[in-house]
PDB file of N, CA and C in Angstrom:
ATOM      1  N   MET A   1     103.875  72.141  77.044  1.00  0.00           N
ATOM      2  CA  MET A   1     104.275  71.870  75.686  1.00  0.00           C
ATOM      3  C   MET A   1     103.003  72.412  74.784  1.00  0.00           C
ATOM      4  N   PRO A   2     103.279  73.100  73.710  1.00  0.00           N
ATOM      5  CA  PRO A   2     102.272  73.545  72.856  1.00  0.00           C
ATOM      6  C   PRO A   2     101.645  72.355  72.047  1.00  0.00           C
ATOM      7  N   GLY A   3     100.393  72.437  71.788  1.00  0.00           N
ATOM      8  CA  GLY A   3      99.683  71.249  71.103  1.00  0.00           C
ATOM      9  C   GLY A   3      99.286  70.164  71.718  1.00  0.00           C
ATOM     10  N   GLN A   4      99.242  70.090  73.132  1.00  0.00           N
ATOM     11  CA  GLN A   4      99.099  68.980  73.923  1.00  0.00           C
ATOM     12  C   GLN A   4      97.852  69.137  74.961  1.00  0.00           C
ATOM     13  N   CYS A   5      96.864  68.305  74.933  1.00  0.00           N
ATOM     14  CA  CYS A   5      95.937  68.545  75.888  1.00  0.00           C
ATOM     15  C   CYS A   5      96.390  68.035  77.337  1.00  0.00           C
ATOM     16  N   THR A   6      96.352  69.076  78.465  1.00  0.00           N
ATOM     17  CA  THR A   6      96.718  68.533  79.634  1.00  0.00           C
ATOM     18  C   THR A   6      95.667  68.149  80.595  1.00  0.00           C
ATOM     19  N   HIS A   7      94.348  67.741  79.998  1.00  0.00           N
ATOM     20  CA  HIS A   7      93.056  67.443  80.656  1.00  0.00           C
ATOM     21  C   HIS A   7      92.700  66.051  80.268  1.00  0.00           C
ATOM     22  N   LEU A   8      93.545  65.367  79.706  1.00  0.00           N
ATOM     23  CA  LEU A   8      93.050  63.886  79.388  1.00  0.00           C
ATOM     24  C   LEU A   8      92.539  63.372  80.508  1.00  0.00           C
ATOM     25  N   ASP A   9      92.914  63.393  81.752  1.00  0.00           N
ATOM     26  CA  ASP A   9      92.541  62.846  83.077  1.00  0.00           C
ATOM     27  C   ASP A   9      90.966  63.019  83.304  1.00  0.00           C
ATOM     28  N   GLN A  10      90.413  64.172  82.729  1.00  0.00           N
ATOM     29  CA  GLN A  10      89.149  64.439  82.892  1.00  0.00           C
ATOM     30  C   GLN A  10      88.223  63.889  81.963  1.00  0.00           C
ATOM     31  N   ILE A  11      88.758  63.059  81.105  1.00  0.00           N
ATOM     32  CA  ILE A  11      87.775  62.420  79.959  1.00  0.00           C
ATOM     33  C   ILE A  11      87.428  61.156  80.558  1.00  0.00           C
ATOM     34  N   THR A  12      85.811  61.099  80.659  1.00  0.00           N
ATOM     35  CA  THR A  12      85.511  59.834  81.161  1.00  0.00           C
ATOM     36  C   THR A  12      84.488  59.181  80.343  1.00  0.00           C
ATOM     37  N   ILE A  13      83.929  59.899  79.153  1.00  0.00           N
ATOM     38  CA  ILE A  13      83.041  59.353  78.222  1.00  0.00           C
ATOM     39  C   ILE A  13      83.735  59.568  76.657  1.00  0.00           C
ATOM     40  N   THR A  14      83.938  58.599  76.179  1.00  0.00           N
ATOM     41  CA  THR A  14      84.397  58.863  74.516  1.00  0.00           C
ATOM     42  C   THR A  14      83.608  58.327  73.522  1.00  0.00           C
ATOM     43  N   ASP A  15      82.713  57.291  73.916  1.00  0.00           N
ATOM     44  CA  ASP A  15      81.793  56.787  73.231  1.00  0.00           C
ATOM     45  C   ASP A  15      80.409  57.557  72.924  1.00  0.00           C
ATOM     46  N   LEU A  16      80.020  57.725  71.573  1.00  0.00           N
ATOM     47  CA  LEU A  16      78.840  58.568  71.469  1.00  0.00           C
ATOM     48  C   LEU A  16      77.546  57.886  71.837  1.00  0.00           C
ATOM     49  N   PRO A  17      76.564  58.479  72.392  1.00  0.00           N
ATOM     50  CA  PRO A  17      75.080  57.712  72.433  1.00  0.00           C
ATOM     51  C   PRO A  17      74.588  57.331  71.113  1.00  0.00           C
ATOM     52  N   GLU A  18      73.634  56.327  71.191  1.00  0.00           N
ATOM     53  CA  GLU A  18      72.831  56.256  69.929  1.00  0.00           C
ATOM     54  C   GLU A  18      71.646  56.104  70.384  1.00  0.00           C
ATOM     55  N   PRO A  19      70.516  56.503  69.794  1.00  0.00           N
ATOM     56  CA  PRO A  19      70.596  57.744  68.767  1.00  0.00           C
ATOM     57  C   PRO A  19      70.897  59.071  69.451  1.00  0.00           C
ATOM     58  N   ILE A  20      71.283  60.047  68.770  1.00  0.00           N
ATOM     59  CA  ILE A  20      71.343  61.175  69.255  1.00  0.00           C
ATOM     60  C   ILE A  20      70.400  62.217  68.695  1.00  0.00           C
ATOM     61  N   ALA A  21      69.404  62.616  69.394  1.00  0.00           N
ATOM     62  CA  ALA A  21      68.248  63.427  68.818  1.00  0.00           C
ATOM     63  C   ALA A  21      68.500  64.728  68.438  1.00  0.00           C
ATOM     64  N   GLY A  22      69.781  65.318  69.074  1.00  0.00           N
ATOM     65  CA  GLY A  22      70.216  66.673  68.859  1.00  0.00           C
ATOM     66  C   GLY A  22      70.608  67.349  69.901  1.00  0.00           C
ATOM     67  N   CYS A  23      71.002  68.638  69.692  1.00  0.00           N
ATOM     68  CA  CYS A  23      71.411  69.429  70.710  1.00  0.00           C
ATOM     69  C   CYS A  23      70.526  69.607  71.996  1.00  0.00           C
ATOM     70  N   GLU A  24      70.683  69.136  73.167  1.00  0.00           N
ATOM     71  CA  GLU A  24      69.731  68.879  74.215  1.00  0.00           C
ATOM     72  C   GLU A  24      69.057  70.271  74.682  1.00  0.00           C
ATOM     73  N   ASP A  25      69.888  71.273  74.455  1.00  0.00           N
ATOM     74  CA  ASP A  25      69.432  72.821  74.992  1.00  0.00           C
ATOM     75  C   ASP A  25      68.561  73.373  73.876  1.00  0.00           C
ATOM     76  N   CYS A  26      68.988  73.135  72.506  1.00  0.00           N
ATOM     77  CA  CYS A  26      68.105  73.624  71.557  1.00  0.00           C
ATOM     78  C   CYS A  26      66.850  72.875  71.279  1.00  0.00           C
ATOM     79  N   LEU A  27      66.916  71.564  71.774  1.00  0.00           N
ATOM     80  CA  LEU A  27      65.515  70.771  71.597  1.00  0.00           C
ATOM     81  C   LEU A  27      64.552  71.394  72.612  1.00  0.00           C
ATOM     82  N   ARG A  28      65.086  71.685  73.805  1.00  0.00           N
ATOM     83  CA  ARG A  28      64.326  72.257  75.107  1.00  0.00           C
ATOM     84  C   ARG A  28      63.668  73.683  74.585  1.00  0.00           C
ATOM     85  N   MET A  29      64.621  74.213  74.078  1.00  0.00           N
ATOM     86  CA  MET A  29      64.027  75.658  73.708  1.00  0.00           C
ATOM     87  C   MET A  29      63.431  76.039  72.259  1.00  0.00           C
ATOM     88  N   GLY A  30      63.450  74.925  71.416  1.00  0.00           N
ATOM     89  CA  GLY A  30      62.926  75.061  70.004  1.00  0.00           C
ATOM     90  C   GLY A  30      64.170  75.661  69.167  1.00  0.00           C
ATOM     91  N   GLY A  31      65.254  75.646  69.310  1.00  0.00           N
ATOM     92  CA  GLY A  31      66.477  76.284  68.747  1.00  0.00           C
ATOM     93  C   GLY A  31      66.683  75.372  67.550  1.00  0.00           C
ATOM     94  N   ARG A  32      67.937  75.681  66.748  1.00  0.00           N
ATOM     95  CA  ARG A  32      68.460  75.067  65.699  1.00  0.00           C
ATOM     96  C   ARG A  32      69.884  74.824  65.808  1.00  0.00           C
ATOM     97  N   TRP A  33      70.520  73.921  65.428  1.00  0.00           N
ATOM     98  CA  TRP A  33      71.969  73.630  65.355  1.00  0.00           C
ATOM     99  C   TRP A  33      72.499  73.320  64.012  1.00  0.00           C
ATOM    100  N   LEU A  34      73.954  73.388  63.916  1.00  0.00           N
ATOM    101  CA  LEU A  34      74.559  73.042  62.768  1.00  0.00           C
ATOM    102  C   LEU A  34      75.249  71.646  62.842  1.00  0.00           C
ATOM    103  N   HIS A  35      76.013  71.739  63.803  1.00  0.00           N
ATOM    104  CA  HIS A  35      76.869  70.479  64.275  1.00  0.00           C
ATOM    105  C   HIS A  35      76.682  70.175  65.759  1.00  0.00           C
ATOM    106  N   LEU A  36      76.967  68.959  66.203  1.00  0.00           N
ATOM    107  CA  LEU A  36      76.842  68.397  67.533  1.00  0.00           C
ATOM    108  C   LEU A  36      78.232  67.983  68.143  1.00  0.00           C
ATOM    109  N   ARG A  37      78.162  68.267  69.386  1.00  0.00           N
ATOM    110  CA  ARG A  37      79.584  68.177  70.155  1.00  0.00           C
ATOM    111  C   ARG A  37      78.925  67.415  71.366  1.00  0.00           C
ATOM    112  N   MET A  38      79.882  66.522  72.042  1.00  0.00           N
ATOM    113  CA  MET A  38      79.635  65.716  73.210  1.00  0.00           C
ATOM    114  C   MET A  38      80.557  66.029  74.291  1.00  0.00           C
ATOM    115  N   CYS A  39      80.259  66.550  75.488  1.00  0.00           N
ATOM    116  CA  CYS A  39      81.010  66.588  76.626  1.00  0.00           C
ATOM    117  C   CYS A  39      81.502  65.349  76.901  1.00  0.00           C
ATOM    118  N   THR A  40      82.908  65.202  77.042  1.00  0.00           N
ATOM    119  CA  THR A  40      83.556  64.123  77.516  1.00  0.00           C
ATOM    120  C   THR A  40      83.566  63.790  79.171  1.00  0.00           C
ATOM    121  N   SER A  41      83.086  64.787  79.755  1.00  0.00           N
ATOM    122  CA  SER A  41      82.986  64.526  81.289  1.00  0.00           C
ATOM    123  C   SER A  41      81.757  64.182  81.626  1.00  0.00           C
ATOM    124  N   CYS A  42      80.483  64.473  80.941  1.00  0.00           N
ATOM    125  CA  CYS A  42      79.293  64.087  81.540  1.00  0.00           C
ATOM    126  C   CYS A  42      78.357  63.701  80.254  1.00  0.00           C
ATOM    127  N   GLY A  43      78.602  63.805  79.077  1.00  0.00           N
ATOM    128  CA  GLY A  43      78.003  63.312  77.970  1.00  0.00           C
ATOM    129  C   GLY A  43      76.956  64.268  77.339  1.00  0.00           C
ATOM    130  N   HIS A  44      76.941  65.406  78.083  1.00  0.00           N
ATOM    131  CA  HIS A  44      75.937  66.529  77.342  1.00  0.00           C
ATOM    132  C   HIS A  44      76.130  66.624  75.935  1.00  0.00           C
ATOM    133  N   ILE A  45      75.164  66.821  74.995  1.00  0.00           N
ATOM    134  CA  ILE A  45      75.181  66.897  73.653  1.00  0.00           C
ATOM    135  C   ILE A  45      74.866  68.385  73.328  1.00  0.00           C
ATOM    136  N   GLY A  46      75.571  69.285  72.975  1.00  0.00           N
ATOM    137  CA  GLY A  46      75.337  70.697  72.634  1.00  0.00           C
ATOM    138  C   GLY A  46      75.850  71.030  71.237  1.00  0.00           C
ATOM    139  N   CYS A  47      75.442  72.121  70.763  1.00  0.00           N
ATOM    140  CA  CYS A  47      75.646  72.499  69.430  1.00  0.00           C
ATOM    141  C   CYS A  47      77.033  73.354  69.232  1.00  0.00           C
ATOM    142  N   CYS A  48      77.556  73.213  68.309  1.00  0.00           N
ATOM    143  CA  CYS A  48      79.024  73.775  67.874  1.00  0.00           C
ATOM    144  C   CYS A  48      78.741  75.517  68.018  1.00  0.00           C
ATOM    145  N   ASP A  49      80.068  76.146  67.765  1.00  0.00           N
ATOM    146  CA  ASP A  49      80.085  77.519  67.777  1.00  0.00           C
ATOM    147  C   ASP A  49      79.739  78.238  66.426  1.00  0.00           C
ATOM    148  N   SER A  50      79.447  77.460  65.502  1.00  0.00           N
ATOM    149  CA  SER A  50      78.703  77.877  64.320  1.00  0.00           C
ATOM    150  C   SER A  50      77.223  78.004  64.300  1.00  0.00           C
ATOM    151  N   SER A  51      76.882  77.080  65.486  1.00  0.00           N
ATOM    152  CA  SER A  51      75.282  77.164  65.675  1.00  0.00           C
ATOM    153  C   SER A  51      75.030  78.512  66.404  1.00  0.00           C
ATOM    154  N   PRO A  52      73.661  79.020  66.218  1.00  0.00           N
ATOM    155  CA  PRO A  52      73.313  80.302  66.758  1.00  0.00           C
ATOM    156  C   PRO A  52      73.506  80.190  68.245  1.00  0.00           C
ATOM    157  N   ASN A  53      73.421  79.108  69.002  1.00  0.00           N
ATOM    158  CA  ASN A  53      73.437  79.396  70.460  1.00  0.00           C
ATOM    159  C   ASN A  53      74.718  78.755  71.153  1.00  0.00           C
ATOM    160  N   ARG A  54      75.608  78.228  70.520  1.00  0.00           N
ATOM    161  CA  ARG A  54      76.754  77.752  70.894  1.00  0.00           C
ATOM    162  C   ARG A  54      76.629  76.953  72.205  1.00  0.00           C
ATOM    163  N   HIS A  55      75.776  75.986  72.308  1.00  0.00           N
ATOM    164  CA  HIS A  55      75.366  75.469  73.764  1.00  0.00           C
ATOM    165  C   HIS A  55      76.743  74.558  74.023  1.00  0.00           C
ATOM    166  N   ALA A  56      77.520  73.896  73.191  1.00  0.00           N
ATOM    167  CA  ALA A  56      78.627  73.205  73.695  1.00  0.00           C
ATOM    168  C   ALA A  56      79.727  73.889  74.406  1.00  0.00           C
ATOM    169  N   THR A  57      80.045  75.144  73.985  1.00  0.00           N
ATOM    170  CA  THR A  57      80.806  76.034  74.738  1.00  0.00           C
ATOM    171  C   THR A  57      80.139  76.805  75.778  1.00  0.00           C
ATOM    172  N   ALA A  58      78.963  76.895  75.698  1.00  0.00           N
ATOM    173  CA  ALA A  58      78.175  77.475  76.962  1.00  0.00           C
ATOM    174  C   ALA A  58      78.276  76.521  78.078  1.00  0.00           C
ATOM    175  N   HIS A  59      78.127  75.328  77.928  1.00  0.00           N
ATOM    176  CA  HIS A  59      78.073  74.008  78.737  1.00  0.00           C
ATOM    177  C   HIS A  59      79.575  74.116  79.382  1.00  0.00           C
ATOM    178  N   ALA A  60      80.454  73.982  78.523  1.00  0.00           N
ATOM    179  CA  ALA A  60      81.968  74.092  79.118  1.00  0.00           C
ATOM    180  C   ALA A  60      82.188  75.201  80.015  1.00  0.00           C
ATOM    181  N   ASN A  61      81.702  76.451  79.720  1.00  0.00           N
ATOM    182  CA  ASN A  61      81.918  77.640  80.450  1.00  0.00           C
ATOM    183  C   ASN A  61      81.307  77.405  81.832  1.00  0.00           C
ATOM    184  N   GLU A  62      79.982  76.815  81.710  1.00  0.00           N
ATOM    185  CA  GLU A  62      79.030  76.861  82.912  1.00  0.00           C
ATOM    186  C   GLU A  62      79.554  75.950  83.822  1.00  0.00           C
ATOM    187  N   THR A  63      80.207  74.641  83.295  1.00  0.00           N
ATOM    188  CA  THR A  63      80.636  73.535  84.342  1.00  0.00           C
ATOM    189  C   THR A  63      82.183  73.343  84.470  1.00  0.00           C
ATOM    190  N   GLY A  64      82.705  73.875  83.614  1.00  0.00           N
ATOM    191  CA  GLY A  64      84.336  73.939  83.583  1.00  0.00           C
ATOM    192  C   GLY A  64      84.742  72.484  83.229  1.00  0.00           C
ATOM    193  N   HIS A  65      83.965  71.781  82.515  1.00  0.00           N
ATOM    194  CA  HIS A  65      84.286  70.622  81.739  1.00  0.00           C
ATOM    195  C   HIS A  65      85.129  71.109  80.643  1.00  0.00           C
ATOM    196  N   PRO A  66      86.399  70.539  80.475  1.00  0.00           N
ATOM    197  CA  PRO A  66      87.431  70.937  79.563  1.00  0.00           C
ATOM    198  C   PRO A  66      87.259  70.468  78.277  1.00  0.00           C
ATOM    199  N   VAL A  67      86.956  69.196  77.843  1.00  0.00           N
ATOM    200  CA  VAL A  67      87.081  68.552  76.703  1.00  0.00           C
ATOM    201  C   VAL A  67      85.699  68.104  75.945  1.00  0.00           C
ATOM    202  N   ILE A  68      85.449  68.371  74.836  1.00  0.00           N
ATOM    203  CA  ILE A  68      84.358  68.024  73.904  1.00  0.00           C
ATOM    204  C   ILE A  68      84.879  67.079  72.686  1.00  0.00           C
ATOM    205  N   ARG A  69      83.999  66.289  72.270  1.00  0.00           N
ATOM    206  CA  ARG A  69      84.311  65.559  71.228  1.00  0.00           C
ATOM    207  C   ARG A  69      83.275  65.672  69.971  1.00  0.00           C
ATOM    208  N   SER A  70      83.495  65.603  68.840  1.00  0.00           N
ATOM    209  CA  SER A  70      82.626  65.755  67.679  1.00  0.00           C
ATOM    210  C   SER A  70      81.626  64.793  67.845  1.00  0.00           C
ATOM    211  N   ALA A  71      80.359  64.889  67.737  1.00  0.00           N
ATOM    212  CA  ALA A  71      79.222  64.023  67.759  1.00  0.00           C
ATOM    213  C   ALA A  71      78.777  63.736  66.278  1.00  0.00           C
ATOM    214  N   GLU A  72      79.503  64.080  65.309  1.00  0.00           N
ATOM    215  CA  GLU A  72      79.261  63.980  63.934  1.00  0.00           C
ATOM    216  C   GLU A  72      79.667  62.783  63.311  1.00  0.00           C
ATOM    217  N   PRO A  73      78.727  62.346  62.411  1.00  0.00           N
ATOM    218  CA  PRO A  73      79.203  60.861  61.719  1.00  0.00           C
ATOM    219  C   PRO A  73      80.572  60.919  61.324  1.00  0.00           C
ATOM    220  N   ARG A  74      81.413  59.979  61.230  1.00  0.00           N
ATOM    221  CA  ARG A  74      82.726  59.768  60.860  1.00  0.00           C
ATOM    222  C   ARG A  74      83.692  60.827  61.281  1.00  0.00           C
ATOM    223  N   GLU A  75      83.399  61.617  62.313  1.00  0.00           N
ATOM    224  CA  GLU A  75      84.436  62.438  62.858  1.00  0.00           C
ATOM    225  C   GLU A  75      84.934  61.888  64.252  1.00  0.00           C
ATOM    226  N   ASP A  76      86.144  61.935  64.393  1.00  0.00           N
ATOM    227  CA  ASP A  76      86.817  61.378  65.761  1.00  0.00           C
ATOM    228  C   ASP A  76      87.423  62.282  66.641  1.00  0.00           C
ATOM    229  N   TRP A  77      87.518  63.845  66.343  1.00  0.00           N
ATOM    230  CA  TRP A  77      88.257  64.646  67.061  1.00  0.00           C
ATOM    231  C   TRP A  77      87.543  65.445  68.276  1.00  0.00           C
ATOM    232  N   PHE A  78      88.618  65.614  68.989  1.00  0.00           N
ATOM    233  CA  PHE A  78      88.296  66.032  70.474  1.00  0.00           C
ATOM    234  C   PHE A  78      88.865  67.567  70.344  1.00  0.00           C
ATOM    235  N   TRP A  79      88.365  68.387  71.275  1.00  0.00           N
ATOM    236  CA  TRP A  79      88.742  69.719  71.386  1.00  0.00           C
ATOM    237  C   TRP A  79      88.911  70.054  73.094  1.00  0.00           C
ATOM    238  N   CYS A  80      90.017  70.554  73.475  1.00  0.00           N
ATOM    239  CA  CYS A  80      90.187  70.999  74.867  1.00  0.00           C
ATOM    240  C   CYS A  80      90.094  72.376  74.695  1.00  0.00           C
ATOM    241  N   TYR A  81      89.195  73.049  75.515  1.00  0.00           N
ATOM    242  CA  TYR A  81      88.974  74.473  75.691  1.00  0.00           C
ATOM    243  C   TYR A  81      90.023  75.241  76.354  1.00  0.00           C
ATOM    244  N   PRO A  82      90.493  74.719  77.480  1.00  0.00           N
ATOM    245  CA  PRO A  82      91.676  75.463  78.258  1.00  0.00           C
ATOM    246  C   PRO A  82      92.877  75.463  77.407  1.00  0.00           C
ATOM    247  N   ASP A  83      93.235  74.173  76.812  1.00  0.00           N
ATOM    248  CA  ASP A  83      94.618  74.405  76.102  1.00  0.00           C
ATOM    249  C   ASP A  83      94.292  74.813  74.631  1.00  0.00           C
ATOM    250  N   GLU A  84      93.109  75.037  74.071  1.00  0.00           N
ATOM    251  CA  GLU A  84      93.090  75.381  72.766  1.00  0.00           C
ATOM    252  C   GLU A  84      93.610  74.435  71.763  1.00  0.00           C
ATOM    253  N   VAL A  85      93.417  73.281  71.906  1.00  0.00           N
ATOM    254  CA  VAL A  85      93.981  72.137  70.877  1.00  0.00           C
ATOM    255  C   VAL A  85      92.947  71.150  70.633  1.00  0.00           C
ATOM    256  N   ALA A  86      93.097  70.769  69.409  1.00  0.00           N
ATOM    257  CA  ALA A  86      92.332  69.633  68.739  1.00  0.00           C
ATOM    258  C   ALA A  86      93.214  68.436  68.664  1.00  0.00           C
ATOM    259  N   PHE A  87      92.595  67.358  68.947  1.00  0.00           N
ATOM    260  CA  PHE A  87      93.155  65.917  68.759  1.00  0.00           C
ATOM    261  C   PHE A  87      92.369  65.001  68.457  1.00  0.00           C
ATOM    262  N   THR A  88      92.975  63.831  68.382  1.00  0.00           N
ATOM    263  CA  THR A  88      92.150  62.507  68.320  1.00  0.00           C
ATOM    264  C   THR A  88      92.929  61.748  69.448  1.00  0.00           C
ATOM    265  N   VAL A  89      92.084  60.728  70.022  1.00  0.00           N
ATOM    266  CA  VAL A  89      92.586  59.926  71.097  1.00  0.00           C
ATOM    267  C   VAL A  89      93.921  59.203  70.962  1.00  0.00           C
ATOM    268  N   GLY A  90      94.267  58.862  69.765  1.00  0.00           N
ATOM    269  CA  GLY A  90      95.408  58.311  69.656  1.00  0.00           C
ATOM    270  C   GLY A  90      96.699  59.302  69.546  1.00  0.00           C
ATOM    271  N   SER A  91      96.272  60.644  69.168  1.00  0.00           N
ATOM    272  CA  SER A  91      97.390  61.485  69.099  1.00  0.00           C
ATOM    273  C   SER A  91      97.270  62.542  70.415  1.00  0.00           C
ATOM    274  N   ALA A  92      96.618  62.237  71.442  1.00  0.00           N
ATOM    275  CA  ALA A  92      96.544  63.006  72.660  1.00  0.00           C
ATOM    276  C   ALA A  92      97.838  63.061  73.564  1.00  0.00           C
ATOM    277  N   ALA A  93      98.367  61.985  73.579  1.00  0.00           N
ATOM    278  CA  ALA A  93      99.626  61.942  74.419  1.00  0.00           C
ATOM    279  C   ALA A  93     100.956  62.144  73.674  1.00  0.00           C
TER     280      ALA A  93
END
């Protein structure tokens, strides 16, 4: 079915950590980011595709972890890479 995430069973983390220092990879390399995303499989904090290094997508490609969520204040959306669909937890099923 179009518009549905088929990887909900792989979401193990939905709550954001506090505090979030920034993109884990950018912090290690001295890079910069625009917006943050959290991997819902392992909790990795990476930067968005509008950021120079696109670490959230790189993490998903390297690990096969399919779903991220926004780690920005007041944003509660998720993105499934394989299904190319955005959703909120209440709208996922």
